[in-house]
Amino acid sequence: MTIIQNQIIGKKEDVTDELLLLNPHQTPFISAKGFSDAVTQVEHTWFEDEMYADETTATGAADAAATTLAVADGSIFEPKHVIKVGEELMLVTAVDGNDLTVSRGYAGTTAGAVASGAKVEFQFVEGVEGADARKARFKARTRHTNFTQIFDESISISGTAAATSQYNIDDLYEYEKQKKQLELALQLEKAVINGVKYESPDGLVRQMGGLRNFIKTNVTDGAGKDIDAVINDMAQTVYEAGGFATGGNYKIVVGAKQKRALSKVDQGSIRLTRAENTRGQVVDFYVTDFGEFEIVLNNNVGGDELFLVDFNRVDIRPLQTRQFSHEYLGKKGDYITGSIVGEYTFELHQEKAHARAKNLA
C-alpha cells in the first residue's frame, strides 16, 4: 500500500483524463464527446437565435370567398406578405393575432377552399417600386439554462486491508479509486441521458437536465412502426428544421435492444463492418435519405427509444475548478480515506436540430 505523506493530504489531483480512458462501452456519450470549457455559475445560461418560421397551418376551414384566415401562428406574418395555400397565392393585408386578413387569388391565381390543417406558407414580400423602407422586425434571442450537478464518491481503506495482500493487488487504495472513478463516470453518463432539471427549494440540491429532458419538439412515437421508417421520419423533421444545413456530426444513440433491430434492417440501409472469417452482420452506420449516421451503442438509453443527436451542438461542461478531482483526506483512525468530486452541467443547442423516438417495439 502506498504511504500517504502529509504533504499530499488535502491536495487535489485532477482525474478527468483518467475518466475518459475508462471503459468507453460504459460511458459512450462521454467518451465520444469529451469535456468542454468550464462554466462559471451553478445555473449556466446560454442564448440562442433563430429565424422566423416560414410556415404554419390553418386552424379553421375557409371557402373560396373568405378574406379572413385563422392560422396556428400569426406572428410570422406581416402586411404585404405573399403566402401560399395549395396552388393559391394570397396577399396579407392585416394581422390580428392569429387571424390574417387576405386578398384572395393574388397574381392571377385561382381562389379555392382552405381546409382546416392546410399548410400556410410564407413566400416573399410584395415589393413596390419607389416605396418607403419597410418596417424592420426583430426576433429576440431565447434564454436557456441548466443547473450544475455534483457527483461524489469516497474511498476508505482499513489499516488491516492496507497491510495485507489482496489477491495480487499491489495498491488497494489506487484499485478502489479506479473503481470509484468508473462509478462516477457512469453516474454522469446517466445524467447526460436521463437527467431532469431540478433545484431544491434551499438551492443545495441541483440536478442537470439531460437529452430526454431537453428534446421536446422532434419526438416521434414509434408504436407500430418499422424502425427504418421511424429513423427517416426523425431525420426529415431535423432536415425541415434546418438541422443539416451546417453539416453537423450526427449520431444515432441507441440501446442494445434497438441496436439488434437495426442490424436486421435491409442491407441497402446499412453499412457493415465484416471480417472474412466471420458470419452475421454488425451495423456501424445507418444510411437514410438525409445522410449517413454513426450508431453509438449506449446501455443507458431505454430499450424502447433512440436519439438522433448532433454532437457538435451538445457540451458536457464542468463548473470552473470543479472538474473531477481526487483528494486524500488522510488517516481518520484505523483507516485512510479520500474523495472524488466533480460538478458538471449539460448544454444542448438548437433543440429542434435533435430528435428522439419513443415506444419502439
Protein backbone atom coordinates (compact mmCIF):
# COMPACT_ATOMS: atom_id res chain seq x y z
CA MET A 1 0.00 0.00 0.00
CA THR A 2 1.36 3.43 -0.94
CA ILE A 3 2.24 5.54 2.09
CA ILE A 4 0.18 8.75 2.14
CA GLN A 5 2.51 11.54 3.16
CA ASN A 6 1.43 14.71 4.94
CA GLN A 7 2.35 16.93 2.03
CA ILE A 8 -0.24 15.32 -0.30
CA ILE A 9 -3.17 15.28 2.13
CA GLY A 10 -5.78 17.81 1.03
CA LYS A 11 -4.14 18.38 -2.37
CA LYS A 12 -6.41 17.98 -5.38
CA GLU A 13 -5.44 15.61 -8.17
CA ASP A 14 -7.26 16.13 -11.48
CA VAL A 15 -8.56 12.73 -12.69
CA THR A 16 -10.59 13.97 -15.68
CA ASP A 17 -8.30 12.31 -18.23
CA GLU A 18 -8.47 9.03 -16.33
CA LEU A 19 -12.27 9.05 -16.59
CA LEU A 20 -12.05 9.42 -20.38
CA LEU A 21 -9.71 6.42 -20.52
CA LEU A 22 -12.12 4.15 -18.64
CA ASN A 23 -14.28 1.59 -20.44
CA PRO A 24 -15.99 3.52 -23.27
CA HIS A 25 -18.73 0.92 -23.51
CA GLN A 26 -19.98 2.03 -20.09
CA THR A 27 -19.81 5.76 -20.87
CA PRO A 28 -20.03 6.01 -24.69
CA PHE A 29 -21.57 9.50 -24.76
CA ILE A 30 -18.85 10.99 -22.55
CA SER A 31 -16.17 9.08 -24.46
CA ALA A 32 -17.48 10.30 -27.83
CA LYS A 33 -17.95 13.92 -26.75
CA GLY A 34 -15.36 14.55 -24.05
CA PHE A 35 -15.48 17.60 -21.79
CA SER A 36 -15.82 21.21 -22.93
CA ASP A 37 -14.79 24.52 -21.36
CA ALA A 38 -15.83 25.26 -17.79
CA VAL A 39 -18.87 27.30 -16.78
CA THR A 40 -18.80 29.95 -14.06
CA GLN A 41 -22.23 29.70 -12.41
CA VAL A 42 -24.28 26.87 -10.87
CA GLU A 43 -27.15 27.91 -13.17
CA HIS A 44 -25.48 28.04 -16.55
CA THR A 45 -27.11 30.30 -19.14
CA TRP A 46 -26.74 30.46 -22.92
CA PHE A 47 -28.67 32.32 -25.59
CA GLU A 48 -29.84 31.11 -28.99
CA ASP A 49 -31.16 32.87 -32.05
CA GLU A 50 -33.34 31.57 -34.86
CA MET A 51 -35.04 32.88 -37.96
CA TYR A 52 -38.77 33.39 -38.23
CA ALA A 53 -40.64 30.27 -39.24
CA ASP A 54 -41.86 30.28 -42.83
CA GLU A 55 -44.97 28.14 -42.49
CA THR A 56 -47.85 27.30 -40.20
CA THR A 57 -51.27 25.63 -40.58
CA ALA A 58 -54.84 26.82 -40.93
CA THR A 59 -56.86 26.23 -37.77
CA GLY A 60 -60.24 26.53 -39.46
CA ALA A 61 -61.82 25.91 -42.83
CA ALA A 62 -62.47 28.83 -45.23
CA ASP A 63 -64.35 28.92 -48.53
CA ALA A 64 -63.04 30.47 -51.72
CA ALA A 65 -64.62 33.86 -50.94
CA ALA A 66 -63.42 34.19 -47.32
CA THR A 67 -61.00 37.04 -46.60
CA THR A 68 -60.11 36.02 -43.05
CA LEU A 69 -57.82 33.08 -42.47
CA ALA A 70 -57.23 31.66 -38.97
CA VAL A 71 -53.76 30.15 -38.51
CA ALA A 72 -51.86 28.43 -35.70
CA ASP A 73 -49.13 31.10 -35.57
CA GLY A 74 -49.84 34.55 -36.95
CA SER A 75 -46.61 36.06 -35.57
CA ILE A 76 -44.61 35.01 -38.63
CA PHE A 77 -46.72 37.16 -41.00
CA GLU A 78 -47.00 40.89 -41.63
CA PRO A 79 -48.98 43.04 -44.07
CA LYS A 80 -47.60 42.89 -47.62
CA HIS A 81 -46.51 39.28 -47.18
CA VAL A 82 -47.44 36.92 -50.00
CA ILE A 83 -48.49 33.50 -48.73
CA LYS A 84 -49.32 30.22 -50.45
CA VAL A 85 -52.10 27.77 -49.61
CA GLY A 86 -52.31 24.87 -52.02
CA GLU A 87 -51.94 26.37 -55.51
CA GLU A 88 -53.33 29.77 -54.48
CA LEU A 89 -51.32 32.85 -53.58
CA MET A 90 -52.80 35.37 -51.14
CA LEU A 91 -51.67 38.83 -50.06
CA VAL A 92 -51.79 39.54 -46.33
CA THR A 93 -53.30 42.98 -45.73
CA ALA A 94 -53.66 42.88 -41.93
CA VAL A 95 -52.69 40.66 -38.99
CA ASP A 96 -54.76 40.46 -35.79
CA GLY A 97 -53.20 37.84 -33.51
CA ASN A 98 -53.67 34.55 -35.35
CA ASP A 99 -56.22 35.94 -37.81
CA LEU A 100 -54.96 37.05 -41.21
CA THR A 101 -56.91 39.39 -43.46
CA VAL A 102 -56.03 38.38 -47.01
CA SER A 103 -56.64 39.34 -50.60
CA ARG A 104 -57.59 36.14 -52.44
CA GLY A 105 -56.36 34.89 -55.80
CA TYR A 106 -53.26 37.09 -55.77
CA ALA A 107 -51.25 37.46 -59.01
CA GLY A 108 -53.93 35.77 -61.07
CA THR A 109 -54.00 32.52 -59.11
CA THR A 110 -57.35 30.78 -58.55
CA ALA A 111 -59.01 31.10 -55.16
CA GLY A 112 -60.03 27.80 -53.62
CA ALA A 113 -61.43 26.38 -50.40
CA VAL A 114 -58.97 26.09 -47.49
CA ALA A 115 -59.24 23.01 -45.30
CA SER A 116 -58.51 23.06 -41.59
CA GLY A 117 -54.93 21.89 -41.11
CA ALA A 118 -53.79 23.04 -44.56
CA LYS A 119 -50.22 24.35 -44.82
CA VAL A 120 -49.97 28.14 -44.94
CA GLU A 121 -46.54 29.07 -46.27
CA PHE A 122 -44.78 32.44 -46.41
CA GLN A 123 -43.38 33.04 -49.92
CA PHE A 124 -41.95 36.57 -50.13
CA VAL A 125 -42.82 40.22 -49.53
CA GLU A 126 -44.67 42.31 -52.09
CA GLY A 127 -42.00 44.69 -53.36
CA VAL A 128 -43.28 48.03 -54.70
CA GLU A 129 -41.12 50.31 -56.81
CA GLY A 130 -40.42 53.64 -55.12
CA ALA A 131 -41.82 52.51 -51.76
CA ASP A 132 -40.56 53.72 -48.37
CA ALA A 133 -38.26 51.46 -46.39
CA ARG A 134 -40.14 48.57 -44.87
CA LYS A 135 -40.56 48.49 -41.07
CA ALA A 136 -37.93 46.20 -39.59
CA ARG A 137 -38.95 43.27 -37.45
CA PHE A 138 -36.83 41.67 -34.78
CA LYS A 139 -36.98 38.26 -33.14
CA ALA A 140 -35.47 38.27 -29.68
CA ARG A 141 -32.92 35.63 -28.74
CA THR A 142 -34.16 32.96 -26.38
CA ARG A 143 -32.56 32.22 -23.00
CA HIS A 144 -31.76 28.65 -21.98
CA THR A 145 -30.39 27.37 -18.68
CA ASN A 146 -29.27 24.21 -16.95
CA PHE A 147 -28.01 23.52 -13.44
CA THR A 148 -24.66 22.05 -12.46
CA GLN A 149 -24.85 18.72 -10.64
CA ILE A 150 -22.42 17.40 -8.03
CA PHE A 151 -21.06 13.86 -8.37
CA ASP A 152 -19.02 12.50 -5.47
CA GLU A 153 -17.77 9.21 -4.00
CA SER A 154 -15.50 8.37 -1.06
CA ILE A 155 -12.69 5.82 -0.68
CA SER A 156 -11.98 4.18 2.67
CA ILE A 157 -9.33 1.51 3.37
CA SER A 158 -8.84 -0.04 6.81
CA GLY A 159 -5.37 -0.38 8.29
CA THR A 160 -5.61 -4.15 8.11
CA ALA A 161 -6.68 -4.14 4.45
CA ALA A 162 -3.84 -1.78 3.61
CA ALA A 163 -1.32 -4.03 5.32
CA THR A 164 -2.36 -7.39 3.88
CA SER A 165 -2.04 -8.87 0.42
CA GLN A 166 -5.29 -8.52 -1.57
CA TYR A 167 -5.03 -11.19 -4.26
CA ASN A 168 -2.06 -9.63 -6.06
CA ILE A 169 -3.38 -6.08 -5.79
CA ASP A 170 -0.26 -4.04 -5.03
CA ASP A 171 -2.06 -0.79 -4.19
CA LEU A 172 -5.53 -1.37 -2.76
CA TYR A 173 -6.27 2.33 -2.37
CA GLU A 174 -5.50 3.03 -6.04
CA TYR A 175 -7.53 -0.02 -7.04
CA GLU A 176 -10.60 1.25 -5.14
CA LYS A 177 -10.04 4.74 -6.52
CA GLN A 178 -10.22 3.45 -10.09
CA LYS A 179 -13.48 1.65 -9.31
CA LYS A 180 -15.00 4.84 -7.86
CA GLN A 181 -13.95 6.81 -10.94
CA LEU A 182 -15.82 4.35 -13.15
CA GLU A 183 -18.90 4.61 -10.94
CA LEU A 184 -18.83 8.41 -11.11
CA ALA A 185 -18.36 8.41 -14.88
CA LEU A 186 -21.39 6.15 -15.20
CA GLN A 187 -23.44 8.47 -12.96
CA LEU A 188 -22.54 11.43 -15.17
CA GLU A 189 -23.36 9.43 -18.31
CA LYS A 190 -26.80 8.58 -16.90
CA ALA A 191 -27.43 12.23 -16.02
CA VAL A 192 -26.49 13.34 -19.55
CA ILE A 193 -29.07 10.91 -21.00
CA ASN A 194 -31.78 10.72 -18.33
CA GLY A 195 -31.30 13.79 -16.12
CA VAL A 196 -34.24 16.01 -15.15
CA LYS A 197 -33.55 19.68 -14.45
CA TYR A 198 -34.26 20.27 -10.76
CA GLU A 199 -33.27 22.52 -7.88
CA SER A 200 -34.37 22.05 -4.27
CA PRO A 201 -36.10 25.00 -2.51
CA ASP A 202 -32.94 25.73 -0.49
CA GLY A 203 -30.77 25.57 -3.62
CA LEU A 204 -28.39 22.99 -2.13
CA VAL A 205 -29.51 20.13 -4.39
CA ARG A 206 -29.22 20.69 -8.13
CA GLN A 207 -29.64 18.24 -10.98
CA MET A 208 -28.96 18.81 -14.66
CA GLY A 209 -31.43 18.21 -17.45
CA GLY A 210 -30.29 15.59 -19.94
CA LEU A 211 -31.05 14.67 -23.55
CA ARG A 212 -34.53 13.36 -22.92
CA ASN A 213 -35.39 16.38 -20.78
CA PHE A 214 -34.32 18.86 -23.48
CA ILE A 215 -35.66 17.28 -26.68
CA LYS A 216 -39.35 18.21 -26.86
CA THR A 217 -40.11 19.28 -30.45
CA ASN A 218 -38.97 16.38 -32.64
CA VAL A 219 -40.35 13.43 -30.69
CA THR A 220 -41.63 10.55 -32.84
CA ASP A 221 -44.00 7.91 -31.48
CA GLY A 222 -42.71 4.67 -32.96
CA ALA A 223 -45.57 2.47 -31.78
CA GLY A 224 -46.44 0.00 -34.53
CA LYS A 225 -43.92 1.50 -36.96
CA ASP A 226 -40.92 -0.02 -38.70
CA ILE A 227 -37.66 1.28 -37.23
CA ASP A 228 -36.36 2.22 -40.67
CA ALA A 229 -39.38 4.48 -41.25
CA VAL A 230 -39.05 5.95 -37.75
CA ILE A 231 -35.43 6.97 -38.28
CA ASN A 232 -36.22 8.51 -41.67
CA ASP A 233 -39.14 10.42 -40.10
CA MET A 234 -36.80 11.73 -37.40
CA ALA A 235 -34.20 12.75 -39.98
CA GLN A 236 -36.87 14.53 -42.01
CA THR A 237 -38.06 16.60 -39.04
CA VAL A 238 -34.47 17.64 -38.33
CA TYR A 239 -33.91 18.46 -42.01
CA GLU A 240 -37.06 20.59 -42.19
CA ALA A 241 -35.92 22.47 -39.09
CA GLY A 242 -32.61 23.27 -40.81
CA GLY A 243 -30.52 20.92 -38.69
CA PHE A 244 -28.42 19.58 -41.54
CA ALA A 245 -27.76 22.98 -43.12
CA THR A 246 -24.35 23.30 -41.44
CA GLY A 247 -23.32 19.66 -41.79
CA GLY A 248 -23.24 18.62 -38.15
CA ASN A 249 -21.87 15.48 -36.53
CA TYR A 250 -24.99 13.35 -36.22
CA LYS A 251 -25.06 10.03 -34.41
CA ILE A 252 -27.85 7.60 -33.56
CA VAL A 253 -27.63 6.86 -29.82
CA VAL A 254 -29.39 3.59 -29.12
CA GLY A 255 -29.64 0.81 -26.52
CA ALA A 256 -28.92 -2.88 -27.02
CA LYS A 257 -32.48 -3.88 -27.99
CA GLN A 258 -32.84 -1.34 -30.79
CA LYS A 259 -29.24 -1.94 -31.89
CA ARG A 260 -30.27 -5.52 -32.66
CA ALA A 261 -33.32 -4.23 -34.52
CA LEU A 262 -31.09 -2.01 -36.65
CA SER A 263 -28.92 -4.99 -37.54
CA LYS A 264 -31.96 -6.68 -39.11
CA VAL A 265 -32.95 -3.91 -41.50
CA ASP A 266 -32.44 -4.18 -45.25
CA GLN A 267 -28.78 -4.11 -46.26
CA GLY A 268 -29.45 -1.19 -48.56
CA SER A 269 -29.93 0.96 -45.47
CA ILE A 270 -26.78 -0.05 -43.61
CA ARG A 271 -23.04 -0.10 -43.97
CA LEU A 272 -21.33 -3.12 -42.48
CA THR A 273 -18.04 -3.97 -40.91
CA ARG A 274 -17.34 -7.60 -41.79
CA ALA A 275 -14.25 -9.78 -41.41
CA GLU A 276 -13.68 -12.53 -43.96
CA ASN A 277 -13.69 -15.26 -41.32
CA THR A 278 -16.95 -14.35 -39.59
CA ARG A 279 -20.63 -14.58 -40.36
CA GLY A 280 -23.54 -12.32 -39.49
CA GLN A 281 -23.69 -8.54 -39.67
CA VAL A 282 -22.99 -5.62 -37.35
CA VAL A 283 -24.35 -2.18 -38.20
CA ASP A 284 -21.83 0.65 -37.77
CA PHE A 285 -23.52 3.34 -39.86
CA TYR A 286 -27.13 3.86 -40.89
CA VAL A 287 -27.91 5.33 -44.31
CA THR A 288 -31.04 7.47 -44.73
CA ASP A 289 -32.41 9.79 -47.40
CA PHE A 290 -30.92 12.65 -45.35
CA GLY A 291 -27.43 11.37 -44.67
CA GLU A 292 -25.34 8.65 -43.07
CA PHE A 293 -25.26 8.45 -39.28
CA GLU A 294 -22.86 6.60 -36.99
CA ILE A 295 -24.56 4.30 -34.49
CA VAL A 296 -23.45 4.66 -30.85
CA LEU A 297 -24.45 1.78 -28.58
CA ASN A 298 -25.39 3.12 -25.14
CA ASN A 299 -26.77 0.86 -22.44
CA ASN A 300 -28.16 3.88 -20.58
CA VAL A 301 -30.77 4.52 -23.31
CA GLY A 302 -34.17 2.88 -22.85
CA GLY A 303 -34.97 -0.29 -24.77
CA ASP A 304 -37.93 1.39 -26.50
CA GLU A 305 -36.22 4.60 -27.62
CA LEU A 306 -33.37 6.07 -29.64
CA PHE A 307 -31.90 9.53 -30.16
CA LEU A 308 -30.63 11.37 -33.23
CA VAL A 309 -28.09 13.83 -31.82
CA ASP A 310 -25.75 16.37 -33.38
CA PHE A 311 -22.63 16.06 -31.22
CA ASN A 312 -21.47 19.47 -32.48
CA ARG A 313 -24.43 21.04 -30.68
CA VAL A 314 -24.00 19.44 -27.24
CA ASP A 315 -21.44 20.02 -24.49
CA ILE A 316 -20.60 18.44 -21.13
CA ARG A 317 -19.08 21.25 -19.09
CA PRO A 318 -17.55 21.37 -15.59
CA LEU A 319 -18.04 24.18 -13.13
CA GLN A 320 -14.76 26.10 -13.01
CA THR A 321 -12.17 24.39 -10.71
CA ARG A 322 -14.70 21.58 -10.10
CA GLN A 323 -13.68 19.06 -12.77
CA PHE A 324 -13.39 15.52 -11.41
CA SER A 325 -10.58 15.60 -8.83
CA HIS A 326 -9.30 13.19 -6.22
CA GLU A 327 -8.24 14.38 -2.77
CA TYR A 328 -6.58 12.40 0.01
CA LEU A 329 -8.28 13.11 3.33
CA GLY A 330 -5.64 11.27 5.36
CA LYS A 331 -5.80 8.91 8.34
CA LYS A 332 -9.08 9.14 10.29
CA GLY A 333 -8.42 6.39 12.83
CA ASP A 334 -7.56 2.86 11.85
CA TYR A 335 -8.35 3.68 8.24
CA ILE A 336 -7.35 6.09 5.49
CA THR A 337 -9.82 7.87 3.28
CA GLY A 338 -10.16 10.10 0.27
CA SER A 339 -12.83 11.50 -2.01
CA ILE A 340 -13.50 12.17 -5.69
CA VAL A 341 -15.76 15.12 -6.53
CA GLY A 342 -16.86 16.73 -9.78
CA GLU A 343 -19.59 19.21 -10.74
CA TYR A 344 -20.90 19.27 -14.30
CA THR A 345 -23.73 20.51 -16.48
CA PHE A 346 -25.11 19.61 -19.91
CA GLU A 347 -25.63 22.16 -22.68
CA LEU A 348 -27.77 21.44 -25.75
CA HIS A 349 -28.04 23.98 -28.55
CA GLN A 350 -30.88 24.35 -31.06
CA GLU A 351 -33.24 21.77 -29.64
CA LYS A 352 -35.03 21.40 -32.99
CA ALA A 353 -31.79 20.07 -34.52
CA HIS A 354 -32.09 16.87 -32.46
CA ALA A 355 -34.75 14.15 -32.35
CA ARG A 356 -35.99 11.30 -30.20
CA ALA A 357 -38.12 8.23 -30.91
CA LYS A 358 -40.14 6.50 -28.20
CA ASN A 359 -42.41 3.46 -27.80
CA LEU A 360 -40.40 1.40 -30.25
CA ALA A 361 -41.23 -2.30 -30.43
